[in-house]
Amino acid sequence: MAARFKMSRKGVGELLRSPGVEADMLRRAELIKSAAVAIAPVGGPGDPHAGAYKDSFKTSSRKRGGRRKDRATATVTNTSYYARWVEYGSERVAAHHVLLRAAESGGD
């Protein structure tokens, strides 16, 4: 006979605020960052910023998710001033979607 399961909203909330979940979110963010660095464009020999985009990926974690802004989250960002154009492209540059493709890898 199968046991019945009753979800506790309070328990789920405690879980989503826990240091363990925050640590796992940061671990996954680090994996996504590694994937992004691996596929990031570097630029050609005449590029004055060759490798700057690749070296500008950062991860962070904090509690800011959910309705009460107290749930564990982690983010991967690129601090390069031109990261937006690398990711989304422009009328002269094709989009590379580096973070999108890295995030699609799922962090595992």
PDB file of N, CA and C in Angstrom:
ATOM      1  N   MET A   1       0.831  -1.168   0.000  1.00  0.00           N
ATOM      2  CA  MET A   1       0.000   0.000   0.000  1.00  0.00           C
ATOM      3  C   MET A   1       0.888   1.248   0.000  1.00  0.00           C
ATOM      4  N   ALA A   2       0.580   2.163  -0.864  1.00  0.00           N
ATOM      5  CA  ALA A   2       1.358   3.389  -0.980  1.00  0.00           C
ATOM      6  C   ALA A   2       0.985   4.373   0.120  1.00  0.00           C
ATOM      7  N   ALA A   3       1.990   5.057   0.632  1.00  0.00           N
ATOM      8  CA  ALA A   3       1.747   6.073   1.660  1.00  0.00           C
ATOM      9  C   ALA A   3       1.204   7.339   1.003  1.00  0.00           C
ATOM     10  N   ARG A   4       0.381   8.036   1.730  1.00  0.00           N
ATOM     11  CA  ARG A   4      -0.173   9.290   1.210  1.00  0.00           C
ATOM     12  C   ARG A   4       0.804  10.425   1.504  1.00  0.00           C
ATOM     13  N   PHE A   5       0.845  11.356   0.612  1.00  0.00           N
ATOM     14  CA  PHE A   5       1.730  12.512   0.757  1.00  0.00           C
ATOM     15  C   PHE A   5       0.892  13.770   0.915  1.00  0.00           C
ATOM     16  N   LYS A   6       1.219  14.559   1.900  1.00  0.00           N
ATOM     17  CA  LYS A   6       0.544  15.844   2.084  1.00  0.00           C
ATOM     18  C   LYS A   6       1.621  16.917   2.124  1.00  0.00           C
ATOM     19  N   MET A   7       1.561  17.819   1.164  1.00  0.00           N
ATOM     20  CA  MET A   7       2.563  18.871   1.069  1.00  0.00           C
ATOM     21  C   MET A   7       2.334  19.927   2.153  1.00  0.00           C
ATOM     22  N   SER A   8       3.418  20.396   2.702  1.00  0.00           N
ATOM     23  CA  SER A   8       3.378  21.479   3.683  1.00  0.00           C
ATOM     24  C   SER A   8       3.909  22.744   3.012  1.00  0.00           C
ATOM     25  N   ARG A   9       3.062  23.734   2.817  1.00  0.00           N
ATOM     26  CA  ARG A   9       3.512  24.990   2.197  1.00  0.00           C
ATOM     27  C   ARG A   9       4.622  25.629   3.022  1.00  0.00           C
ATOM     28  N   LYS A  10       4.495  25.588   4.320  1.00  0.00           N
ATOM     29  CA  LYS A  10       5.517  26.152   5.189  1.00  0.00           C
ATOM     30  C   LYS A  10       6.843  25.421   4.991  1.00  0.00           C
ATOM     31  N   GLY A  11       6.780  24.113   4.893  1.00  0.00           N
ATOM     32  CA  GLY A  11       7.987  23.314   4.689  1.00  0.00           C
ATOM     33  C   GLY A  11       8.647  23.594   3.351  1.00  0.00           C
ATOM     34  N   VAL A  12       7.843  23.753   2.299  1.00  0.00           N
ATOM     35  CA  VAL A  12       8.391  24.077   0.985  1.00  0.00           C
ATOM     36  C   VAL A  12       9.050  25.453   1.031  1.00  0.00           C
ATOM     37  N   GLY A  13       8.411  26.414   1.690  1.00  0.00           N
ATOM     38  CA  GLY A  13       8.999  27.745   1.836  1.00  0.00           C
ATOM     39  C   GLY A  13      10.325  27.700   2.568  1.00  0.00           C
ATOM     40  N   GLU A  14      10.388  26.931   3.642  1.00  0.00           N
ATOM     41  CA  GLU A  14      11.642  26.782   4.388  1.00  0.00           C
ATOM     42  C   GLU A  14      12.721  26.163   3.509  1.00  0.00           C
ATOM     43  N   LEU A  15      12.338  25.181   2.719  1.00  0.00           N
ATOM     44  CA  LEU A  15      13.290  24.540   1.813  1.00  0.00           C
ATOM     45  C   LEU A  15      13.843  25.546   0.804  1.00  0.00           C
ATOM     46  N   LEU A  16      12.971  26.356   0.209  1.00  0.00           N
ATOM     47  CA  LEU A  16      13.407  27.306  -0.815  1.00  0.00           C
ATOM     48  C   LEU A  16      14.222  28.462  -0.252  1.00  0.00           C
ATOM     49  N   ARG A  17      14.195  28.646   1.064  1.00  0.00           N
ATOM     50  CA  ARG A  17      15.019  29.665   1.715  1.00  0.00           C
ATOM     51  C   ARG A  17      16.291  29.087   2.321  1.00  0.00           C
ATOM     52  N   SER A  18      16.455  27.797   2.242  1.00  0.00           N
ATOM     53  CA  SER A  18      17.547  27.127   2.948  1.00  0.00           C
ATOM     54  C   SER A  18      18.915  27.382   2.308  1.00  0.00           C
ATOM     55  N   PRO A  19      19.965  27.342   3.118  1.00  0.00           N
ATOM     56  CA  PRO A  19      21.321  27.498   2.593  1.00  0.00           C
ATOM     57  C   PRO A  19      21.693  26.398   1.594  1.00  0.00           C
ATOM     58  N   GLY A  20      21.134  25.206   1.769  1.00  0.00           N
ATOM     59  CA  GLY A  20      21.426  24.109   0.847  1.00  0.00           C
ATOM     60  C   GLY A  20      20.917  24.385  -0.560  1.00  0.00           C
ATOM     61  N   VAL A  21      19.702  24.923  -0.662  1.00  0.00           N
ATOM     62  CA  VAL A  21      19.149  25.258  -1.981  1.00  0.00           C
ATOM     63  C   VAL A  21      19.945  26.407  -2.588  1.00  0.00           C
ATOM     64  N   GLU A  22      20.301  27.404  -1.780  1.00  0.00           N
ATOM     65  CA  GLU A  22      21.104  28.516  -2.292  1.00  0.00           C
ATOM     66  C   GLU A  22      22.459  28.022  -2.794  1.00  0.00           C
ATOM     67  N   ALA A  23      23.078  27.101  -2.076  1.00  0.00           N
ATOM     68  CA  ALA A  23      24.367  26.544  -2.502  1.00  0.00           C
ATOM     69  C   ALA A  23      24.227  25.781  -3.814  1.00  0.00           C
ATOM     70  N   ASP A  24      23.134  25.022  -3.972  1.00  0.00           N
ATOM     71  CA  ASP A  24      22.933  24.286  -5.219  1.00  0.00           C
ATOM     72  C   ASP A  24      22.646  25.233  -6.380  1.00  0.00           C
ATOM     73  N   MET A  25      21.912  26.303  -6.121  1.00  0.00           N
ATOM     74  CA  MET A  25      21.664  27.293  -7.173  1.00  0.00           C
ATOM     75  C   MET A  25      22.997  27.914  -7.627  1.00  0.00           C
ATOM     76  N   LEU A  26      23.872  28.230  -6.673  1.00  0.00           N
ATOM     77  CA  LEU A  26      25.171  28.800  -7.017  1.00  0.00           C
ATOM     78  C   LEU A  26      26.027  27.780  -7.763  1.00  0.00           C
ATOM     79  N   ARG A  27      25.951  26.519  -7.360  1.00  0.00           N
ATOM     80  CA  ARG A  27      26.702  25.475  -8.067  1.00  0.00           C
ATOM     81  C   ARG A  27      26.258  25.390  -9.522  1.00  0.00           C
ATOM     82  N   ARG A  28      24.953  25.421  -9.749  1.00  0.00           N
ATOM     83  CA  ARG A  28      24.437  25.372 -11.122  1.00  0.00           C
ATOM     84  C   ARG A  28      24.826  26.627 -11.902  1.00  0.00           C
ATOM     85  N   ALA A  29      24.810  27.779 -11.245  1.00  0.00           N
ATOM     86  CA  ALA A  29      25.224  29.019 -11.904  1.00  0.00           C
ATOM     87  C   ALA A  29      26.689  28.937 -12.325  1.00  0.00           C
ATOM     88  N   GLU A  30      27.521  28.345 -11.491  1.00  0.00           N
ATOM     89  CA  GLU A  30      28.940  28.180 -11.842  1.00  0.00           C
ATOM     90  C   GLU A  30      29.090  27.259 -13.059  1.00  0.00           C
ATOM     91  N   LEU A  31      28.278  26.220 -13.150  1.00  0.00           N
ATOM     92  CA  LEU A  31      28.318  25.331 -14.313  1.00  0.00           C
ATOM     93  C   LEU A  31      27.881  26.069 -15.579  1.00  0.00           C
ATOM     94  N   ILE A  32      26.850  26.893 -15.454  1.00  0.00           N
ATOM     95  CA  ILE A  32      26.393  27.677 -16.600  1.00  0.00           C
ATOM     96  C   ILE A  32      27.463  28.688 -17.001  1.00  0.00           C
ATOM     97  N   LYS A  33      28.104  29.300 -16.021  1.00  0.00           N
ATOM     98  CA  LYS A  33      29.203  30.237 -16.310  1.00  0.00           C
ATOM     99  C   LYS A  33      30.328  29.520 -17.057  1.00  0.00           C
ATOM    100  N   SER A  34      30.685  28.327 -16.624  1.00  0.00           N
ATOM    101  CA  SER A  34      31.734  27.566 -17.302  1.00  0.00           C
ATOM    102  C   SER A  34      31.358  27.253 -18.744  1.00  0.00           C
ATOM    103  N   ALA A  35      30.096  26.898 -18.960  1.00  0.00           N
ATOM    104  CA  ALA A  35      29.635  26.637 -20.326  1.00  0.00           C
ATOM    105  C   ALA A  35      29.677  27.903 -21.163  1.00  0.00           C
ATOM    106  N   ALA A  36      29.305  29.043 -20.583  1.00  0.00           N
ATOM    107  CA  ALA A  36      29.330  30.318 -21.309  1.00  0.00           C
ATOM    108  C   ALA A  36      30.754  30.709 -21.673  1.00  0.00           C
ATOM    109  N   VAL A  37      31.689  30.537 -20.748  1.00  0.00           N
ATOM    110  CA  VAL A  37      33.090  30.857 -21.023  1.00  0.00           C
ATOM    111  C   VAL A  37      33.618  29.974 -22.149  1.00  0.00           C
ATOM    112  N   ALA A  38      33.217  28.712 -22.156  1.00  0.00           N
ATOM    113  CA  ALA A  38      33.693  27.771 -23.179  1.00  0.00           C
ATOM    114  C   ALA A  38      33.232  28.148 -24.583  1.00  0.00           C
ATOM    115  N   ILE A  39      32.036  28.750 -24.712  1.00  0.00           N
ATOM    116  CA  ILE A  39      31.516  29.055 -26.051  1.00  0.00           C
ATOM    117  C   ILE A  39      31.584  30.551 -26.389  1.00  0.00           C
ATOM    118  N   ALA A  40      32.117  31.357 -25.488  1.00  0.00           N
ATOM    119  CA  ALA A  40      32.166  32.807 -25.709  1.00  0.00           C
ATOM    120  C   ALA A  40      33.105  33.156 -26.865  1.00  0.00           C
ATOM    121  N   PRO A  41      32.678  34.091 -27.736  1.00  0.00           N
ATOM    122  CA  PRO A  41      33.568  34.538 -28.808  1.00  0.00           C
ATOM    123  C   PRO A  41      34.721  35.356 -28.226  1.00  0.00           C
ATOM    124  N   VAL A  42      35.872  35.252 -28.850  1.00  0.00           N
ATOM    125  CA  VAL A  42      37.068  35.921 -28.339  1.00  0.00           C
ATOM    126  C   VAL A  42      37.443  37.135 -29.177  1.00  0.00           C
ATOM    127  N   GLY A  43      37.175  37.127 -30.445  1.00  0.00           N
ATOM    128  CA  GLY A  43      37.554  38.240 -31.314  1.00  0.00           C
ATOM    129  C   GLY A  43      38.800  37.892 -32.104  1.00  0.00           C
ATOM    130  N   GLY A  44      38.969  38.583 -33.190  1.00  0.00           N
ATOM    131  CA  GLY A  44      40.101  38.316 -34.065  1.00  0.00           C
ATOM    132  C   GLY A  44      41.366  39.033 -33.642  1.00  0.00           C
ATOM    133  N   PRO A  45      42.428  38.900 -34.444  1.00  0.00           N
ATOM    134  CA  PRO A  45      43.707  39.511 -34.087  1.00  0.00           C
ATOM    135  C   PRO A  45      43.657  41.040 -34.043  1.00  0.00           C
ATOM    136  N   GLY A  46      42.752  41.658 -34.776  1.00  0.00           N
ATOM    137  CA  GLY A  46      42.657  43.110 -34.763  1.00  0.00           C
ATOM    138  C   GLY A  46      41.712  43.661 -33.720  1.00  0.00           C
ATOM    139  N   ASP A  47      41.112  42.787 -32.932  1.00  0.00           N
ATOM    140  CA  ASP A  47      40.144  43.209 -31.926  1.00  0.00           C
ATOM    141  C   ASP A  47      40.865  43.797 -30.713  1.00  0.00           C
ATOM    142  N   PRO A  48      40.589  45.073 -30.371  1.00  0.00           N
ATOM    143  CA  PRO A  48      41.265  45.675 -29.217  1.00  0.00           C
ATOM    144  C   PRO A  48      40.777  45.113 -27.877  1.00  0.00           C
ATOM    145  N   HIS A  49      39.647  44.407 -27.887  1.00  0.00           N
ATOM    146  CA  HIS A  49      39.080  43.839 -26.658  1.00  0.00           C
ATOM    147  C   HIS A  49      39.096  42.310 -26.678  1.00  0.00           C
ATOM    148  N   ALA A  50      40.007  41.727 -27.408  1.00  0.00           N
ATOM    149  CA  ALA A  50      40.032  40.259 -27.544  1.00  0.00           C
ATOM    150  C   ALA A  50      40.100  39.589 -26.175  1.00  0.00           C
ATOM    151  N   GLY A  51      39.122  38.722 -25.903  1.00  0.00           N
ATOM    152  CA  GLY A  51      39.078  37.974 -24.653  1.00  0.00           C
ATOM    153  C   GLY A  51      38.425  38.702 -23.488  1.00  0.00           C
ATOM    154  N   ALA A  52      38.133  39.997 -23.634  1.00  0.00           N
ATOM    155  CA  ALA A  52      37.543  40.760 -22.523  1.00  0.00           C
ATOM    156  C   ALA A  52      36.147  40.245 -22.186  1.00  0.00           C
ATOM    157  N   TYR A  53      35.348  39.947 -23.196  1.00  0.00           N
ATOM    158  CA  TYR A  53      33.998  39.428 -22.959  1.00  0.00           C
ATOM    159  C   TYR A  53      34.074  38.095 -22.226  1.00  0.00           C
ATOM    160  N   LYS A  54      34.943  37.225 -22.680  1.00  0.00           N
ATOM    161  CA  LYS A  54      35.089  35.898 -22.089  1.00  0.00           C
ATOM    162  C   LYS A  54      35.506  35.984 -20.621  1.00  0.00           C
ATOM    163  N   ASP A  55      36.306  36.976 -20.275  1.00  0.00           N
ATOM    164  CA  ASP A  55      36.802  37.132 -18.903  1.00  0.00           C
ATOM    165  C   ASP A  55      35.844  37.890 -17.989  1.00  0.00           C
ATOM    166  N   SER A  56      34.691  38.327 -18.500  1.00  0.00           N
ATOM    167  CA  SER A  56      33.795  39.189 -17.728  1.00  0.00           C
ATOM    168  C   SER A  56      32.570  38.485 -17.159  1.00  0.00           C
ATOM    169  N   PHE A  57      32.524  37.167 -17.183  1.00  0.00           N
ATOM    170  CA  PHE A  57      31.387  36.449 -16.609  1.00  0.00           C
ATOM    171  C   PHE A  57      31.528  36.379 -15.092  1.00  0.00           C
ATOM    172  N   LYS A  58      30.422  36.620 -14.376  1.00  0.00           N
ATOM    173  CA  LYS A  58      30.397  36.600 -12.915  1.00  0.00           C
ATOM    174  C   LYS A  58      29.163  35.831 -12.450  1.00  0.00           C
ATOM    175  N   THR A  59      29.263  35.231 -11.280  1.00  0.00           N
ATOM    176  CA  THR A  59      28.105  34.577 -10.665  1.00  0.00           C
ATOM    177  C   THR A  59      27.852  35.210  -9.303  1.00  0.00           C
ATOM    178  N   SER A  60      26.610  35.162  -8.877  1.00  0.00           N
ATOM    179  CA  SER A  60      26.259  35.638  -7.534  1.00  0.00           C
ATOM    180  C   SER A  60      25.016  34.894  -7.072  1.00  0.00           C
ATOM    181  N   SER A  61      24.852  34.849  -5.760  1.00  0.00           N
ATOM    182  CA  SER A  61      23.635  34.257  -5.207  1.00  0.00           C
ATOM    183  C   SER A  61      23.185  35.119  -4.043  1.00  0.00           C
ATOM    184  N   ARG A  62      21.889  35.134  -3.855  1.00  0.00           N
ATOM    185  CA  ARG A  62      21.297  35.834  -2.720  1.00  0.00           C
ATOM    186  C   ARG A  62      19.836  35.424  -2.628  1.00  0.00           C
ATOM    187  N   LYS A  63      19.188  35.925  -1.627  1.00  0.00           N
ATOM    188  CA  LYS A  63      17.766  35.630  -1.460  1.00  0.00           C
ATOM    189  C   LYS A  63      16.973  36.817  -2.003  1.00  0.00           C
ATOM    190  N   ARG A  64      16.359  36.623  -3.166  1.00  0.00           N
ATOM    191  CA  ARG A  64      15.569  37.701  -3.751  1.00  0.00           C
ATOM    192  C   ARG A  64      14.405  37.185  -4.592  1.00  0.00           C
ATOM    193  N   GLY A  65      14.188  35.903  -4.608  1.00  0.00           N
ATOM    194  CA  GLY A  65      13.119  35.352  -5.429  1.00  0.00           C
ATOM    195  C   GLY A  65      11.813  35.212  -4.665  1.00  0.00           C
ATOM    196  N   GLY A  66      10.777  34.879  -5.396  1.00  0.00           N
ATOM    197  CA  GLY A  66       9.474  34.648  -4.793  1.00  0.00           C
ATOM    198  C   GLY A  66       8.719  35.921  -4.476  1.00  0.00           C
ATOM    199  N   ARG A  67       7.516  35.746  -3.997  1.00  0.00           N
ATOM    200  CA  ARG A  67       6.636  36.886  -3.690  1.00  0.00           C
ATOM    201  C   ARG A  67       7.205  37.746  -2.579  1.00  0.00           C
ATOM    202  N   ARG A  68       7.813  37.111  -1.584  1.00  0.00           N
ATOM    203  CA  ARG A  68       8.358  37.864  -0.446  1.00  0.00           C
ATOM    204  C   ARG A  68       9.821  38.244  -0.640  1.00  0.00           C
ATOM    205  N   LYS A  69      10.378  37.910  -1.771  1.00  0.00           N
ATOM    206  CA  LYS A  69      11.777  38.202  -2.089  1.00  0.00           C
ATOM    207  C   LYS A  69      12.739  37.583  -1.070  1.00  0.00           C
ATOM    208  N   ASP A  70      12.424  36.361  -0.638  1.00  0.00           N
ATOM    209  CA  ASP A  70      13.257  35.685   0.353  1.00  0.00           C
ATOM    210  C   ASP A  70      13.696  34.298  -0.094  1.00  0.00           C
ATOM    211  N   ARG A  71      13.527  33.996  -1.379  1.00  0.00           N
ATOM    212  CA  ARG A  71      13.883  32.681  -1.896  1.00  0.00           C
ATOM    213  C   ARG A  71      15.273  32.724  -2.514  1.00  0.00           C
ATOM    214  N   ALA A  72      15.981  31.624  -2.420  1.00  0.00           N
ATOM    215  CA  ALA A  72      17.346  31.528  -2.928  1.00  0.00           C
ATOM    216  C   ALA A  72      17.366  31.645  -4.451  1.00  0.00           C
ATOM    217  N   THR A  73      18.263  32.467  -4.963  1.00  0.00           N
ATOM    218  CA  THR A  73      18.457  32.613  -6.406  1.00  0.00           C
ATOM    219  C   THR A  73      19.951  32.698  -6.687  1.00  0.00           C
ATOM    220  N   ALA A  74      20.307  32.439  -7.921  1.00  0.00           N
ATOM    221  CA  ALA A  74      21.685  32.630  -8.373  1.00  0.00           C
ATOM    222  C   ALA A  74      21.627  33.176  -9.791  1.00  0.00           C
ATOM    223  N   THR A  75      22.559  34.034 -10.135  1.00  0.00           N
ATOM    224  CA  THR A  75      22.590  34.637 -11.466  1.00  0.00           C
ATOM    225  C   THR A  75      23.967  34.527 -12.081  1.00  0.00           C
ATOM    226  N   VAL A  76      23.962  34.503 -13.404  1.00  0.00           N
ATOM    227  CA  VAL A  76      25.200  34.565 -14.179  1.00  0.00           C
ATOM    228  C   VAL A  76      25.084  35.831 -15.023  1.00  0.00           C
ATOM    229  N   THR A  77      26.057  36.698 -14.931  1.00  0.00           N
ATOM    230  CA  THR A  77      26.045  37.940 -15.697  1.00  0.00           C
ATOM    231  C   THR A  77      27.386  38.129 -16.388  1.00  0.00           C
ATOM    232  N   ASN A  78      27.379  39.030 -17.347  1.00  0.00           N
ATOM    233  CA  ASN A  78      28.614  39.439 -17.996  1.00  0.00           C
ATOM    234  C   ASN A  78      28.722  40.941 -17.813  1.00  0.00           C
ATOM    235  N   THR A  79      29.810  41.400 -17.232  1.00  0.00           N
ATOM    236  CA  THR A  79      29.977  42.809 -16.890  1.00  0.00           C
ATOM    237  C   THR A  79      30.590  43.638 -18.012  1.00  0.00           C
ATOM    238  N   SER A  80      30.883  43.042 -19.128  1.00  0.00           N
ATOM    239  CA  SER A  80      31.424  43.783 -20.265  1.00  0.00           C
ATOM    240  C   SER A  80      30.369  44.766 -20.773  1.00  0.00           C
ATOM    241  N   TYR A  81      30.782  45.973 -21.117  1.00  0.00           N
ATOM    242  CA  TYR A  81      29.808  46.976 -21.560  1.00  0.00           C
ATOM    243  C   TYR A  81      29.127  46.585 -22.862  1.00  0.00           C
ATOM    244  N   TYR A  82      29.721  45.720 -23.648  1.00  0.00           N
ATOM    245  CA  TYR A  82      29.123  45.326 -24.925  1.00  0.00           C
ATOM    246  C   TYR A  82      28.504  43.933 -24.886  1.00  0.00           C
ATOM    247  N   ALA A  83      28.302  43.384 -23.692  1.00  0.00           N
ATOM    248  CA  ALA A  83      27.722  42.038 -23.553  1.00  0.00           C
ATOM    249  C   ALA A  83      26.343  41.954 -24.197  1.00  0.00           C
ATOM    250  N   ARG A  84      25.572  43.012 -24.112  1.00  0.00           N
ATOM    251  CA  ARG A  84      24.224  43.027 -24.705  1.00  0.00           C
ATOM    252  C   ARG A  84      24.277  42.781 -26.203  1.00  0.00           C
ATOM    253  N   TRP A  85      25.258  43.370 -26.875  1.00  0.00           N
ATOM    254  CA  TRP A  85      25.347  43.213 -28.326  1.00  0.00           C
ATOM    255  C   TRP A  85      25.881  41.837 -28.708  1.00  0.00           C
ATOM    256  N   VAL A  86      26.743  41.272 -27.878  1.00  0.00           N
ATOM    257  CA  VAL A  86      27.211  39.908 -28.141  1.00  0.00           C
ATOM    258  C   VAL A  86      26.041  38.937 -28.005  1.00  0.00           C
ATOM    259  N   GLU A  87      25.250  39.117 -26.965  1.00  0.00           N
ATOM    260  CA  GLU A  87      24.131  38.213 -26.714  1.00  0.00           C
ATOM    261  C   GLU A  87      23.016  38.375 -27.747  1.00  0.00           C
ATOM    262  N   TYR A  88      22.570  39.605 -27.957  1.00  0.00           N
ATOM    263  CA  TYR A  88      21.390  39.849 -28.800  1.00  0.00           C
ATOM    264  C   TYR A  88      21.695  40.313 -30.219  1.00  0.00           C
ATOM    265  N   GLY A  89      22.925  40.729 -30.486  1.00  0.00           N
ATOM    266  CA  GLY A  89      23.290  41.203 -31.809  1.00  0.00           C
ATOM    267  C   GLY A  89      22.853  42.639 -32.044  1.00  0.00           C
ATOM    268  N   SER A  90      23.180  43.132 -33.213  1.00  0.00           N
ATOM    269  CA  SER A  90      22.782  44.477 -33.642  1.00  0.00           C
ATOM    270  C   SER A  90      22.596  44.431 -35.148  1.00  0.00           C
ATOM    271  N   GLU A  91      22.385  45.589 -35.745  1.00  0.00           N
ATOM    272  CA  GLU A  91      22.194  45.568 -37.200  1.00  0.00           C
ATOM    273  C   GLU A  91      23.470  45.184 -37.946  1.00  0.00           C
ATOM    274  N   ARG A  92      24.631  45.300 -37.275  1.00  0.00           N
ATOM    275  CA  ARG A  92      25.905  44.948 -37.928  1.00  0.00           C
ATOM    276  C   ARG A  92      26.536  43.665 -37.407  1.00  0.00           C
ATOM    277  N   VAL A  93      26.069  43.191 -36.278  1.00  0.00           N
ATOM    278  CA  VAL A  93      26.682  42.018 -35.647  1.00  0.00           C
ATOM    279  C   VAL A  93      25.605  40.975 -35.379  1.00  0.00           C
ATOM    280  N   ALA A  94      25.871  39.746 -35.753  1.00  0.00           N
ATOM    281  CA  ALA A  94      24.918  38.650 -35.505  1.00  0.00           C
ATOM    282  C   ALA A  94      24.896  38.303 -34.015  1.00  0.00           C
ATOM    283  N   ALA A  95      23.739  37.911 -33.518  1.00  0.00           N
ATOM    284  CA  ALA A  95      23.596  37.510 -32.122  1.00  0.00           C
ATOM    285  C   ALA A  95      24.305  36.179 -31.883  1.00  0.00           C
ATOM    286  N   HIS A  96      25.004  36.096 -30.758  1.00  0.00           N
ATOM    287  CA  HIS A  96      25.698  34.851 -30.397  1.00  0.00           C
ATOM    288  C   HIS A  96      24.907  34.038 -29.373  1.00  0.00           C
ATOM    289  N   HIS A  97      24.038  34.662 -28.598  1.00  0.00           N
ATOM    290  CA  HIS A  97      23.216  33.992 -27.580  1.00  0.00           C
ATOM    291  C   HIS A  97      24.050  33.097 -26.659  1.00  0.00           C
ATOM    292  N   VAL A  98      25.156  33.622 -26.174  1.00  0.00           N
ATOM    293  CA  VAL A  98      26.067  32.841 -25.333  1.00  0.00           C
ATOM    294  C   VAL A  98      25.382  32.402 -24.039  1.00  0.00           C
ATOM    295  N   LEU A  99      24.816  33.349 -23.298  1.00  0.00           N
ATOM    296  CA  LEU A  99      24.173  32.983 -22.036  1.00  0.00           C
ATOM    297  C   LEU A  99      22.932  32.123 -22.249  1.00  0.00           C
ATOM    298  N   LEU A 100      22.189  32.389 -23.295  1.00  0.00           N
ATOM    299  CA  LEU A 100      21.017  31.563 -23.598  1.00  0.00           C
ATOM    300  C   LEU A 100      21.431  30.115 -23.841  1.00  0.00           C
ATOM    301  N   ARG A 101      22.427  29.916 -24.676  1.00  0.00           N
ATOM    302  CA  ARG A 101      22.866  28.546 -24.973  1.00  0.00           C
ATOM    303  C   ARG A 101      23.465  27.874 -23.746  1.00  0.00           C
ATOM    304  N   ALA A 102      24.198  28.638 -22.935  1.00  0.00           N
ATOM    305  CA  ALA A 102      24.781  28.069 -21.710  1.00  0.00           C
ATOM    306  C   ALA A 102      23.678  27.683 -20.734  1.00  0.00           C
ATOM    307  N   ALA A 103      22.663  28.546 -20.590  1.00  0.00           N
ATOM    308  CA  ALA A 103      21.554  28.251 -19.678  1.00  0.00           C
ATOM    309  C   ALA A 103      20.744  27.055 -20.160  1.00  0.00           C
ATOM    310  N   GLU A 104      20.615  26.906 -21.477  1.00  0.00           N
ATOM    311  CA  GLU A 104      19.886  25.747 -22.015  1.00  0.00           C
ATOM    312  C   GLU A 104      20.582  24.441 -21.670  1.00  0.00           C
ATOM    313  N   SER A 105      21.876  24.501 -21.381  1.00  0.00           N
ATOM    314  CA  SER A 105      22.593  23.284 -20.980  1.00  0.00           C
ATOM    315  C   SER A 105      22.086  22.797 -19.619  1.00  0.00           C
ATOM    316  N   GLY A 106      21.395  23.676 -18.880  1.00  0.00           N
ATOM    317  CA  GLY A 106      20.733  23.280 -17.652  1.00  0.00           C
ATOM    318  C   GLY A 106      21.586  23.299 -16.401  1.00  0.00           C
ATOM    319  N   GLY A 107      22.828  23.642 -16.506  1.00  0.00           N
ATOM    320  CA  GLY A 107      23.657  23.673 -15.306  1.00  0.00           C
ATOM    321  C   GLY A 107      24.127  22.305 -14.854  1.00  0.00           C
ATOM    322  N   ASP A 108      23.851  21.282 -15.636  1.00  0.00           N
ATOM    323  CA  ASP A 108      24.337  19.935 -15.284  1.00  0.00           C
ATOM    324  C   ASP A 108      24.812  19.216 -16.523  1.00  0.00           C
TER     325      ASP A 108
END
